[in-house]
Protein backbone atom coordinates (compact mmCIF):
# COMPACT_ATOMS: atom_id res chain seq x y z
CA MET A 1 10.11 30.41 74.70
CA GLU A 2 9.91 27.04 73.02
CA LYS A 3 6.61 27.93 71.32
CA LYS A 4 8.02 31.18 69.89
CA GLN A 5 11.03 29.37 68.40
CA LYS A 6 8.77 26.86 66.68
CA ARG A 7 6.72 29.66 65.15
CA LYS A 8 9.81 31.40 63.76
CA PHE A 9 11.12 28.18 62.26
CA TYR A 10 7.74 27.47 60.59
CA ASP A 11 7.55 31.01 59.14
CA LYS A 12 10.98 30.71 57.54
CA ARG A 13 10.39 27.34 55.83
CA ALA A 14 6.82 27.93 54.70
CA PRO A 15 7.49 30.28 51.74
CA ARG A 16 10.20 27.97 50.39
CA LYS A 17 7.80 25.02 50.39
CA GLN A 18 5.20 27.06 48.50
CA ILE A 19 7.60 28.35 45.77
CA LYS A 20 9.35 25.09 44.81
CA PRO A 21 6.33 22.95 43.85
CA HIS A 22 4.79 25.78 41.72
CA LYS A 23 7.94 26.19 39.65
CA PHE A 24 8.19 22.46 39.09
CA LYS A 25 4.55 22.20 37.96
CA ARG A 26 4.86 25.02 35.44
CA LYS A 27 7.85 23.35 33.77
CA THR A 28 6.04 20.05 33.38
CA LEU A 29 2.96 21.73 31.88
CA LYS A 30 5.06 23.53 29.26
CA ARG A 31 6.76 20.32 28.21
CA ARG A 32 3.46 18.51 27.78
CA ARG A 33 2.04 21.27 25.55
CA VAL A 34 5.05 21.10 23.22
CA ARG A 35 4.68 17.34 22.88
CA LYS A 36 0.99 17.63 21.98
CA ASN A 37 1.77 19.90 19.01
CA ARG A 38 4.19 17.42 17.45
CA PRO A 39 2.81 15.29 14.56
CA HIS A 40 1.95 11.74 15.55
CA ASN A 41 2.21 8.51 13.54
CA ARG A 42 5.53 9.45 11.99
CA SER A 43 6.17 7.00 9.16
CA HIS A 44 9.27 4.90 9.73
CA HIS A 45 10.18 4.15 6.11
CA PHE A 46 11.32 7.70 5.26
CA ALA A 47 15.09 8.01 5.48
CA PRO A 48 16.34 11.37 6.86
CA LEU A 49 17.45 13.80 4.17
CA THR A 50 21.09 14.68 4.62
CA GLU A 51 23.15 17.17 2.62
CA ALA A 52 24.90 14.33 0.81
CA LEU A 53 21.57 12.82 -0.32
CA ILE A 54 20.21 16.19 -1.48
CA ALA A 55 23.40 16.80 -3.48
CA GLN A 56 22.98 13.47 -5.32
CA ALA A 57 19.30 14.03 -6.16
CA GLU A 58 17.84 15.85 -9.17
CA HIS A 59 15.36 18.68 -8.56
CA GLU A 60 12.19 18.46 -10.68
CA PHE A 61 8.70 19.98 -10.62
CA CYS A 62 5.63 17.78 -10.32
CA SER A 63 1.89 18.29 -9.83
CA GLY A 64 -0.82 15.88 -8.79
CA ALA A 65 -3.63 15.02 -6.41
CA VAL A 66 -2.64 14.06 -2.86
CA CYS A 67 -3.70 10.65 -1.56
CA VAL A 68 -3.30 10.68 2.25
CA GLN A 69 -2.66 7.31 3.90
CA THR A 70 -3.55 6.08 7.38
CA GLY A 71 -0.01 6.58 8.73
CA GLY A 72 -0.16 10.31 7.98
CA TRP A 73 2.13 10.21 4.93
CA ALA A 74 0.87 10.71 1.37
CA TYR A 75 1.75 10.19 -2.29
CA LEU A 76 0.85 12.03 -5.50
CA ARG A 77 -1.43 10.66 -8.20
CA SER A 78 0.02 12.57 -11.12
CA GLN A 79 -1.39 12.77 -14.64
CA ALA A 80 1.84 11.32 -16.05
CA SER A 81 1.31 8.00 -14.26
CA PHE A 82 -2.53 8.01 -14.62
CA GLY A 83 -3.01 7.06 -10.98
CA LYS A 84 -0.56 4.13 -11.14
CA ILE A 85 1.38 3.41 -7.93
CA ASP A 86 4.94 2.12 -8.29
CA GLU A 87 8.46 2.81 -6.99
CA MET A 88 8.63 6.06 -9.03
CA THR A 89 5.54 7.61 -7.39
CA PRO A 90 6.43 10.83 -5.47
CA GLU A 91 5.88 10.51 -1.72
CA MET A 92 5.31 13.13 0.97
CA THR A 93 6.25 12.89 4.64
CA ASP A 94 3.69 13.22 7.40
CA ALA A 95 5.50 16.34 8.66
CA LEU A 96 4.64 18.22 5.43
CA VAL A 97 1.05 16.97 5.49
CA HIS A 98 0.67 18.11 9.10
CA ARG A 99 2.41 21.44 8.52
CA PHE A 100 0.21 22.62 5.63
CA LYS A 101 -2.92 20.70 6.80
CA ILE A 102 -3.23 18.99 3.43
CA LYS A 103 -6.45 17.07 2.91
CA ASN A 104 -7.14 14.12 0.67
CA ALA A 105 -7.55 14.79 -3.11
CA GLU A 106 -6.13 18.34 -3.01
CA TRP A 107 -4.11 19.35 -6.06
CA ILE A 108 -0.59 20.50 -5.25
CA GLU A 109 2.40 21.70 -7.24
CA ALA A 110 5.68 20.78 -5.64
CA GLU A 111 9.42 20.45 -6.12
CA ILE A 112 10.52 16.84 -5.81
CA LEU A 113 13.86 15.10 -5.36
CA LYS A 114 14.70 12.20 -7.67
CA PHE A 115 17.42 9.98 -6.27
CA PRO A 116 19.66 7.61 -8.28
CA ARG A 117 18.33 4.09 -8.77
CA GLU A 118 21.29 2.65 -6.90
CA LEU A 119 19.97 4.14 -3.63
CA SER A 120 16.48 2.58 -4.19
CA ILE A 121 14.77 5.60 -2.59
CA PRO A 122 11.46 6.74 -4.14
CA PRO A 123 11.05 10.39 -5.22
CA ARG A 124 10.17 12.68 -2.35
CA VAL A 125 8.41 16.03 -2.14
CA PHE A 126 11.00 18.60 -1.09
CA LYS A 127 9.01 21.85 -1.23
CA VAL A 128 5.26 22.56 -1.63
CA LEU A 129 4.74 25.46 -4.07
CA SER A 130 0.92 25.72 -4.25
CA ILE A 131 -2.20 23.97 -2.97
CA ASP A 132 -5.22 24.22 -5.30
CA GLY A 133 -3.57 27.17 -7.04
CA GLU A 134 -3.03 29.12 -3.79
CA ASN A 135 0.03 29.96 -1.74
CA PRO A 136 0.36 27.20 0.90
CA PHE A 137 1.23 29.76 3.62
CA LYS A 138 -1.58 32.22 2.72
CA ARG A 139 -4.40 30.04 1.42
CA THR A 140 -7.94 30.87 2.46
CA LYS A 141 -9.92 28.60 4.74
CA ARG A 142 -12.91 27.16 2.91
CA GLU A 143 -15.90 25.34 4.33
CA PRO A 144 -15.74 21.53 4.07
CA PHE A 145 -18.04 19.77 1.64
CA TYR A 146 -20.21 18.00 4.21
CA LYS A 147 -21.14 21.34 5.85
CA MET A 148 -22.34 23.04 2.65
CA THR A 149 -26.03 23.43 1.84
CA ALA A 150 -27.46 21.77 -1.25
CA GLU A 151 -30.00 22.98 -3.80
CA ALA A 152 -32.21 21.36 -6.40
CA PRO A 153 -30.54 20.92 -9.83
CA LYS A 154 -31.40 23.83 -12.16
CA ASP A 155 -28.92 24.38 -15.01
CA GLU A 156 -28.66 21.96 -17.88
CA LEU A 157 -25.44 20.22 -18.84
CA VAL A 158 -25.09 20.54 -22.60
CA LEU A 159 -24.21 17.21 -24.24
CA ASP A 160 -24.69 15.51 -27.58
CA ARG A 161 -28.25 14.23 -28.05
CA SER A 162 -27.12 11.11 -29.90
CA PHE A 163 -26.31 9.34 -26.63
CA ALA A 164 -29.96 9.27 -25.48
CA LEU A 165 -29.19 11.25 -22.32
CA GLY A 166 -32.02 13.74 -22.78
CA THR A 167 -31.94 16.70 -20.40
CA PHE A 168 -29.00 16.17 -18.08
CA LEU A 169 -29.05 18.69 -15.22
CA LYS A 170 -25.96 19.69 -13.23
CA GLY A 171 -26.07 17.77 -9.97
CA GLU A 172 -27.73 14.60 -11.30
CA THR A 173 -26.70 10.96 -11.62
CA ARG A 174 -27.20 9.08 -14.88
CA THR A 175 -26.35 5.53 -15.93
CA LEU A 176 -25.86 4.27 -19.48
CA PHE A 177 -26.02 0.60 -20.47
CA PHE A 178 -23.80 -0.29 -23.43
CA ASP A 179 -23.21 -3.44 -25.44
CA ARG A 180 -19.61 -4.56 -25.29
CA LYS A 181 -19.45 -4.89 -29.08
CA LEU A 182 -20.12 -1.15 -29.56
CA GLY A 183 -17.13 -0.02 -27.49
CA VAL A 184 -18.07 1.47 -24.15
CA THR A 185 -14.85 3.46 -23.67
CA ARG A 186 -15.09 5.00 -27.13
CA GLN A 187 -18.59 6.33 -26.50
CA LEU A 188 -17.76 7.66 -23.04
CA VAL A 189 -14.69 9.42 -24.45
CA CYS A 190 -16.93 11.10 -27.04
CA ILE A 191 -19.26 12.27 -24.24
CA ALA A 192 -16.32 13.66 -22.21
CA ARG A 193 -14.87 15.47 -25.22
CA ASP A 194 -18.28 16.89 -26.14
CA ALA A 195 -18.85 18.07 -22.54
CA CYS A 196 -15.51 19.92 -22.49
CA GLU A 197 -16.18 21.64 -25.81
CA LYS A 198 -19.72 22.81 -25.04
CA ASN A 199 -19.13 23.64 -21.34
CA PRO A 200 -15.79 25.49 -21.04
CA ASP A 201 -16.10 25.99 -17.25
CA LEU A 202 -16.76 22.29 -16.60
CA ARG A 203 -14.09 20.09 -14.96
CA VAL A 204 -14.26 16.48 -16.18
CA ILE A 205 -12.83 13.54 -14.19
CA TYR A 206 -12.56 10.22 -16.05
CA VAL A 207 -12.27 6.99 -14.04
CA LEU A 208 -11.20 3.82 -15.84
CA VAL A 209 -11.63 0.59 -13.87
CA LYS A 210 -9.44 -2.42 -14.76
CA ALA A 211 -7.87 -0.90 -17.84
CA ARG A 212 -5.41 -2.50 -20.22
CA PRO A 213 -1.81 -1.20 -19.95
CA GLU A 214 -2.03 0.84 -23.16
CA GLU A 215 -5.54 2.20 -22.61
CA PRO A 216 -4.84 5.24 -20.34
CA ALA A 217 -2.16 6.57 -22.71
CA GLU A 218 -4.64 6.40 -25.60
CA LEU A 219 -7.21 8.26 -23.47
CA ARG A 220 -4.69 11.02 -22.77
CA GLN A 221 -4.20 11.52 -26.50
CA ASN A 222 -7.94 11.58 -27.31
CA LEU A 223 -9.11 13.75 -24.40
CA PRO A 224 -8.32 17.44 -23.70
CA SER A 225 -5.54 18.26 -21.26
CA SER A 226 -8.01 19.65 -18.71
CA VAL A 227 -9.55 16.19 -18.14
CA GLU A 228 -8.16 14.34 -15.11
CA ILE A 229 -7.69 10.59 -15.64
CA TYR A 230 -7.52 8.06 -12.80
CA ALA A 231 -7.14 4.41 -13.75
CA SER A 232 -6.71 1.00 -12.15
CA TYR A 233 -5.14 -1.74 -14.22
CA ILE A 234 -6.03 -5.38 -14.78
CA ASN A 235 -3.12 -6.61 -12.67
CA SER A 236 -3.73 -4.08 -9.87
CA PRO A 237 -4.63 -5.36 -6.39
CA LEU A 238 -8.32 -5.44 -5.52
CA GLN A 239 -7.83 -2.79 -2.83
CA ILE A 240 -6.54 -0.28 -5.42
CA VAL A 241 -9.35 -1.18 -7.85
CA ALA A 242 -11.90 -0.42 -5.13
CA GLU A 243 -10.06 2.73 -4.01
CA VAL A 244 -9.77 4.64 -7.32
CA PRO A 245 -13.50 5.59 -7.78
CA ASP A 246 -13.70 6.73 -4.16
CA PHE A 247 -10.60 8.87 -4.61
CA ALA A 248 -12.06 10.40 -7.80
CA LEU A 249 -15.25 11.25 -5.89
CA SER A 250 -13.27 12.98 -3.12
CA ARG A 251 -11.39 14.90 -5.85
CA ALA A 252 -14.75 16.03 -7.29
CA GLN A 253 -15.85 17.12 -3.81
CA SER A 254 -12.70 19.22 -3.33
CA LEU A 255 -13.39 20.92 -6.69
CA ALA A 256 -16.99 21.55 -5.66
CA GLU A 257 -15.74 23.20 -2.44
CA GLN A 258 -13.94 25.74 -4.63
CA GLY A 259 -17.20 26.52 -6.47
CA LYS A 260 -16.40 24.57 -9.66
CA GLU A 261 -18.76 22.38 -11.66
CA THR A 262 -17.52 18.82 -12.15
CA LEU A 263 -18.60 15.81 -14.21
CA LEU A 264 -17.45 12.41 -12.93
CA ILE A 265 -17.47 9.69 -15.61
CA VAL A 266 -17.00 6.10 -14.40
CA ASP A 267 -16.08 3.54 -17.05
CA GLY A 268 -16.68 0.05 -15.71
CA LEU A 269 -19.15 0.11 -12.84
CA THR A 270 -19.57 -3.67 -13.24
CA TYR A 271 -15.85 -4.29 -12.63
CA TRP A 272 -15.92 -2.06 -9.56
CA ALA A 273 -18.91 -3.93 -8.11
CA ASN A 274 -17.11 -7.24 -8.71
CA ALA A 275 -14.02 -5.94 -6.90
CA LEU A 276 -16.11 -4.79 -3.92
CA ASN A 277 -17.82 -8.19 -3.77
CA SER A 278 -14.56 -10.11 -3.83
CA ILE A 279 -13.15 -7.92 -1.02
CA LYS A 280 -16.27 -8.53 1.06
CA LEU A 281 -15.98 -12.27 0.43
CA SER A 282 -12.30 -12.37 1.44
CA GLN A 283 -13.08 -10.48 4.65
CA SER A 284 -15.97 -12.77 5.57
CA GLY A 285 -14.00 -15.91 4.66
CA LYS A 286 -16.96 -17.59 2.95
CA ILE A 287 -16.30 -18.19 -0.73
CA GLN A 288 -19.07 -19.95 -2.62
CA GLU A 289 -17.97 -21.46 -5.90
CA GLY A 290 -20.27 -20.87 -8.84
CA GLU A 291 -22.16 -18.09 -7.05
CA VAL A 292 -23.12 -15.34 -9.49
CA SER A 293 -25.64 -13.11 -7.69
CA LEU A 294 -23.32 -11.39 -5.20
CA PHE A 295 -24.19 -7.74 -5.84
CA PHE A 296 -26.11 -7.47 -2.57
CA ARG A 297 -22.74 -7.30 -0.78
CA SER A 298 -21.80 -4.00 -2.46
CA VAL A 299 -25.24 -2.36 -2.42
CA GLU A 300 -24.39 0.16 0.30
CA LYS A 301 -21.14 1.26 -1.35
CA LEU A 302 -22.80 1.70 -4.73
CA ARG A 303 -25.68 3.61 -3.16
CA GLN A 304 -23.33 6.04 -1.44
CA PHE A 305 -21.42 6.60 -4.66
CA LEU A 306 -24.37 7.04 -7.03
CA GLN A 307 -26.25 9.31 -4.62
CA ALA A 308 -23.24 11.62 -4.13
CA SER A 309 -24.31 14.06 -6.88
CA TRP A 310 -24.89 17.53 -5.38
CA ARG A 311 -25.75 21.05 -6.39
CA LEU A 312 -24.32 23.57 -3.91
CA LYS A 313 -25.37 27.14 -3.16
CA ASN A 314 -21.95 28.59 -3.87
CA GLY A 315 -22.18 27.42 -7.50
CA GLY A 316 -20.29 24.13 -7.31
CA SER A 317 -21.87 20.87 -8.42
CA ILE A 318 -21.08 17.18 -8.88
CA SER A 319 -22.66 15.27 -11.76
CA ILE A 320 -22.08 11.52 -12.13
CA LEU A 321 -22.29 9.51 -15.35
CA ALA A 322 -21.71 5.76 -14.92
CA GLY A 323 -21.27 3.40 -17.84
CA ILE A 324 -22.27 -0.24 -17.41
CA ARG A 325 -21.15 -2.94 -19.81
CA ARG A 326 -23.79 -5.42 -20.93
CA LYS A 327 -23.50 -8.39 -23.24
CA SER A 328 -25.79 -8.93 -26.20
CA GLU A 329 -27.32 -11.84 -24.24
CA PRO A 330 -27.51 -10.46 -20.68
CA ASN A 331 -26.72 -12.93 -17.92
CA VAL A 332 -27.85 -12.96 -14.31
CA VAL A 333 -25.14 -10.54 -13.15
CA ASP A 334 -26.10 -7.88 -15.70
CA ARG A 335 -29.78 -8.15 -14.86
CA GLU A 336 -29.15 -7.89 -11.12
CA LEU A 337 -26.85 -4.89 -11.52
CA ALA A 338 -29.33 -3.16 -13.84
CA ASP A 339 -32.16 -3.66 -11.33
CA LEU A 340 -29.92 -2.49 -8.47
CA VAL A 341 -28.78 0.68 -10.23
CA SER A 342 -32.30 1.56 -11.41
CA SER A 343 -33.56 1.22 -7.81
CA ILE A 344 -30.77 3.48 -6.48
CA VAL A 345 -30.81 6.27 -9.08
């Protein structure tokens, strides 16, 4: 009789022991899946938007290229500011970047909130209207640039023959050495204007390294409205000076993904190489006074940039034209940079 009672007691408790742990495990799994879908690295400097803040702000429309930062948040490099970063630069939260899967150097049109200066809050993107001219909720998935197949350059880029460029094919890299007395920026502006007039489907991106404060505004007046200008100023930090050409190249790659032909003009390759060298020196901690021949430190970065010209099968292409300043009496730096660039291209 004792054995039968034990069996009955075991049969009654067994199903309860099997049901409880299964229910508990399913709840924990669901909670973990919800947490994985949440965006990480939420930036801490964004104040929450309340109804009172939105009522005080002014609603405006802005367009620009997105520059995604390491924390997940981003800001817009608009044509009005010519790539300048200050307290009036529109910012975007990491939640919006994660929601629409916005990549670096994509062109967006958005509605922004401008707060009063008393609050000391920078403008913030309130609503994304379009991404690369498409509806952000219904945009088509395109293949990334690094997965596309390349072709040999075929078509010719029509330019003025007075600049000694010869036959310039779409998808090539060319360098031009100018004397500083002749005006490097003036000649490159003429090339950009001539390229826009003779190639209506061409998208031109002009990069100005270490510009004077009034120089980008003059460029905007002399160049067509379709030309995108990205500049770094004389008083800009070295990190921004080194970042602007890379950002312009990623912008050209995003245009090439859409099947558009782009021409990337870099004004001041010498200044960019100097900025890269000084950053390398500050990281290494070894600063040699009076050292002139330091271009070997930025060889790899220059090689990656100058060899980034492509001709894709879908019709898109990236052509690079770099202008190098040279004195009438070339010094050691100019000779070394000329030899380096001629070995790369």
